[in-house]
Protein backbone atom coordinates (compact mmCIF):
# COMPACT_ATOMS: atom_id res chain seq x y z
CA MET A 1 40.68 263.48 -109.14
CA SER A 2 40.84 260.31 -110.99
CA ARG A 3 44.08 258.83 -112.09
CA PRO A 4 44.73 258.14 -115.80
CA THR A 5 43.81 254.69 -116.90
CA GLU A 6 46.07 252.64 -119.08
CA THR A 7 44.15 250.26 -121.23
CA PHE A 8 45.32 246.82 -122.22
CA ASN A 9 45.70 247.98 -125.86
CA LYS A 10 48.02 250.84 -124.89
CA LYS A 11 50.24 248.49 -122.87
CA GLU A 12 50.51 246.07 -125.80
CA LYS A 13 51.45 248.85 -128.23
CA GLU A 14 54.13 250.10 -125.84
CA LYS A 15 55.55 246.58 -125.47
CA LYS A 16 55.71 246.15 -129.25
CA ARG A 17 57.42 249.52 -129.69
CA LEU A 18 60.06 248.69 -127.06
CA LYS A 19 60.62 245.24 -128.54
CA LYS A 20 61.12 246.76 -132.01
CA GLN A 21 63.66 249.24 -130.65
CA GLN A 22 65.55 246.43 -128.92
CA GLU A 23 65.66 244.34 -132.12
CA LYS A 24 66.91 247.35 -134.06
CA ARG A 25 69.74 247.91 -131.55
CA GLU A 26 70.71 244.22 -131.70
CA LYS A 27 70.86 244.26 -135.51
CA ALA A 28 73.02 247.40 -135.47
CA GLU A 29 75.44 245.81 -132.98
CA GLU A 30 75.60 242.65 -135.09
CA ARG A 31 76.39 244.68 -138.24
CA LYS A 32 79.16 246.53 -136.40
CA ALA A 33 80.66 243.29 -135.13
CA THR A 34 80.71 241.56 -138.51
CA ALA A 35 81.46 244.63 -140.63
CA VAL A 36 84.64 244.62 -142.68
CA LYS A 37 86.44 247.89 -142.29
CA GLY A 38 87.21 249.97 -145.38
CA LYS A 39 89.17 248.31 -148.17
CA SER A 40 92.34 249.74 -149.61
CA LEU A 41 92.32 251.51 -152.97
CA ASP A 42 94.01 248.57 -154.70
CA GLU A 43 91.30 246.19 -153.50
CA MET A 44 88.55 248.46 -154.83
CA MET A 45 90.16 249.00 -158.25
CA ALA A 46 88.66 247.34 -161.33
CA TYR A 47 90.27 247.04 -164.78
CA ILE A 48 88.99 246.34 -168.27
CA ASP A 49 90.86 243.80 -170.40
CA GLU A 50 91.36 243.89 -174.19
CA ASN A 51 88.03 242.12 -174.73
CA GLY A 52 86.05 244.65 -172.68
CA ASN A 53 85.56 242.38 -169.64
CA ILE A 54 85.92 243.73 -166.09
CA THR A 55 88.75 242.11 -164.14
CA SER A 56 90.56 242.70 -160.84
CA THR A 57 94.08 242.23 -162.27
CA PRO A 58 95.83 245.20 -163.83
CA PRO A 59 96.85 245.01 -167.50
CA ASP A 60 100.32 243.67 -168.34
CA PRO A 61 102.47 246.63 -169.48
CA THR A 62 104.94 244.35 -171.30
CA ARG A 63 102.24 243.11 -173.64
CA LYS A 64 102.12 244.65 -177.12
CA LYS A 65 99.26 247.01 -177.74
CA LYS A 66 97.29 247.09 -180.96
CA VAL A 67 97.77 250.20 -183.06
CA ILE A 68 94.52 251.49 -184.54
CA ASN A 69 94.49 253.99 -187.35
CA ALA A 70 91.92 256.73 -186.73
CA GLU A 71 90.90 256.78 -190.42
CA ASP A 72 89.86 253.11 -190.19
CA ILE A 73 87.16 253.86 -187.60
CA GLN A 74 83.73 254.26 -189.17
CA ILE A 75 81.09 256.10 -187.24
CA GLY A 76 77.47 256.29 -188.36
CA VAL A 77 75.58 254.65 -191.18
CA ALA A 78 77.57 252.77 -193.78
CA LYS A 79 77.75 254.40 -197.17
CA GLN A 80 75.23 253.02 -199.63
CA VAL A 81 76.81 251.40 -202.61
CA PRO A 82 75.15 252.56 -205.82
CA SER A 83 73.07 249.76 -207.27
CA ASP A 84 74.22 248.04 -210.43
CA GLN A 85 70.87 248.70 -212.11
CA PRO A 86 71.03 250.00 -215.65
CA ALA A 87 70.12 253.66 -216.03
CA GLY A 88 67.54 252.90 -218.72
CA PRO A 89 63.90 251.99 -218.20
CA ARG A 90 63.07 248.86 -216.21
CA LYS A 91 60.27 246.41 -216.94
CA GLY A 92 57.77 245.00 -214.52
CA THR A 93 54.21 244.01 -213.67
CA VAL A 94 51.72 245.98 -211.60
CA THR A 95 50.95 243.78 -208.58
CA PHE A 96 48.64 246.21 -206.81
CA PHE A 97 47.11 249.58 -207.68
CA ASN A 98 44.39 251.44 -205.78
CA GLU A 99 42.91 254.12 -208.04
CA SER A 100 40.90 255.80 -205.27
CA LYS A 101 44.00 256.30 -203.09
CA GLY A 102 46.37 256.85 -206.02
CA TYR A 103 49.20 254.45 -205.25
CA GLY A 104 50.37 250.91 -205.90
CA PHE A 105 53.33 248.59 -206.37
CA ILE A 106 55.22 247.28 -209.39
CA LYS A 107 57.24 244.06 -209.25
CA ASP A 108 60.50 244.43 -211.21
CA GLN A 109 60.92 241.73 -213.85
CA ASP A 110 64.70 241.34 -213.34
CA THR A 111 65.24 241.76 -209.59
CA GLN A 112 61.76 240.72 -208.34
CA GLU A 113 61.91 243.88 -206.21
CA SER A 114 58.65 245.59 -205.26
CA VAL A 115 58.71 249.30 -206.20
CA PHE A 116 56.24 251.89 -204.94
CA VAL A 117 54.35 253.89 -207.57
CA HIS A 118 52.24 257.02 -207.05
CA ILE A 119 49.60 258.32 -209.44
CA ASN A 120 51.76 261.43 -210.05
CA GLY A 121 54.48 259.19 -211.55
CA LEU A 122 52.18 257.71 -214.22
CA VAL A 123 52.30 258.60 -217.91
CA ASP A 124 49.52 256.16 -218.90
CA PRO A 125 46.68 254.95 -216.65
CA ILE A 126 47.43 251.50 -215.24
CA LYS A 127 45.64 248.69 -213.42
CA GLU A 128 46.66 245.42 -211.77
CA ASN A 129 48.57 242.83 -213.89
CA ASP A 130 49.55 245.41 -216.54
CA LYS A 131 53.04 245.09 -218.04
CA VAL A 132 54.83 248.41 -217.67
CA THR A 133 58.18 250.13 -218.16
CA PHE A 134 59.39 252.57 -215.54
CA GLU A 135 62.36 254.40 -214.10
CA THR A 136 63.17 254.72 -210.41
CA GLU A 137 64.22 257.49 -208.10
CA GLN A 138 65.14 257.27 -204.44
CA GLY A 139 62.26 258.30 -202.18
CA GLN A 140 62.09 258.72 -198.41
CA LYS A 141 61.32 255.05 -197.76
CA GLY A 142 62.98 253.43 -200.78
CA PRO A 143 62.79 253.42 -204.56
CA ASN A 144 59.79 255.08 -206.25
CA ALA A 145 58.68 254.37 -209.81
CA ILE A 146 58.41 257.36 -212.15
CA SER A 147 57.60 257.70 -215.87
CA VAL A 148 55.43 254.58 -215.73
CA LYS A 149 54.14 253.57 -219.21
CA LYS A 150 52.10 250.59 -220.36
CA VAL A 151 53.83 248.15 -222.71
């Protein structure tokens, strides 16, 4: 019977594996030697100061605390203030109107605001640069012109 042959490559792999194990053991021993044992609860505690910053010092109980009224806290979107626009018809100029798609924009003469207009909101047919009077209603994306008439 022939005896098993160990090749050079197998010996090298075994040496590398043993060396890796030895390095791993040395690192573990080094970590154990330099490791700081568990900290006390007070050392691990963190506090938040009045400005929202994290600090290691506890708050001063002798300091006066601010009193906040719950009704003063506003959550959500701010209420929209009704515009000071007159309820009557507004005047403006058609800056853009696409007849094939059925929409356009009117520039308000007073506020220089651009207002969307749809073909369903027209009383008279319009085209670009026409002077018009119109009223507005609140749409999904902003004010929409309705009752649009040529001047």
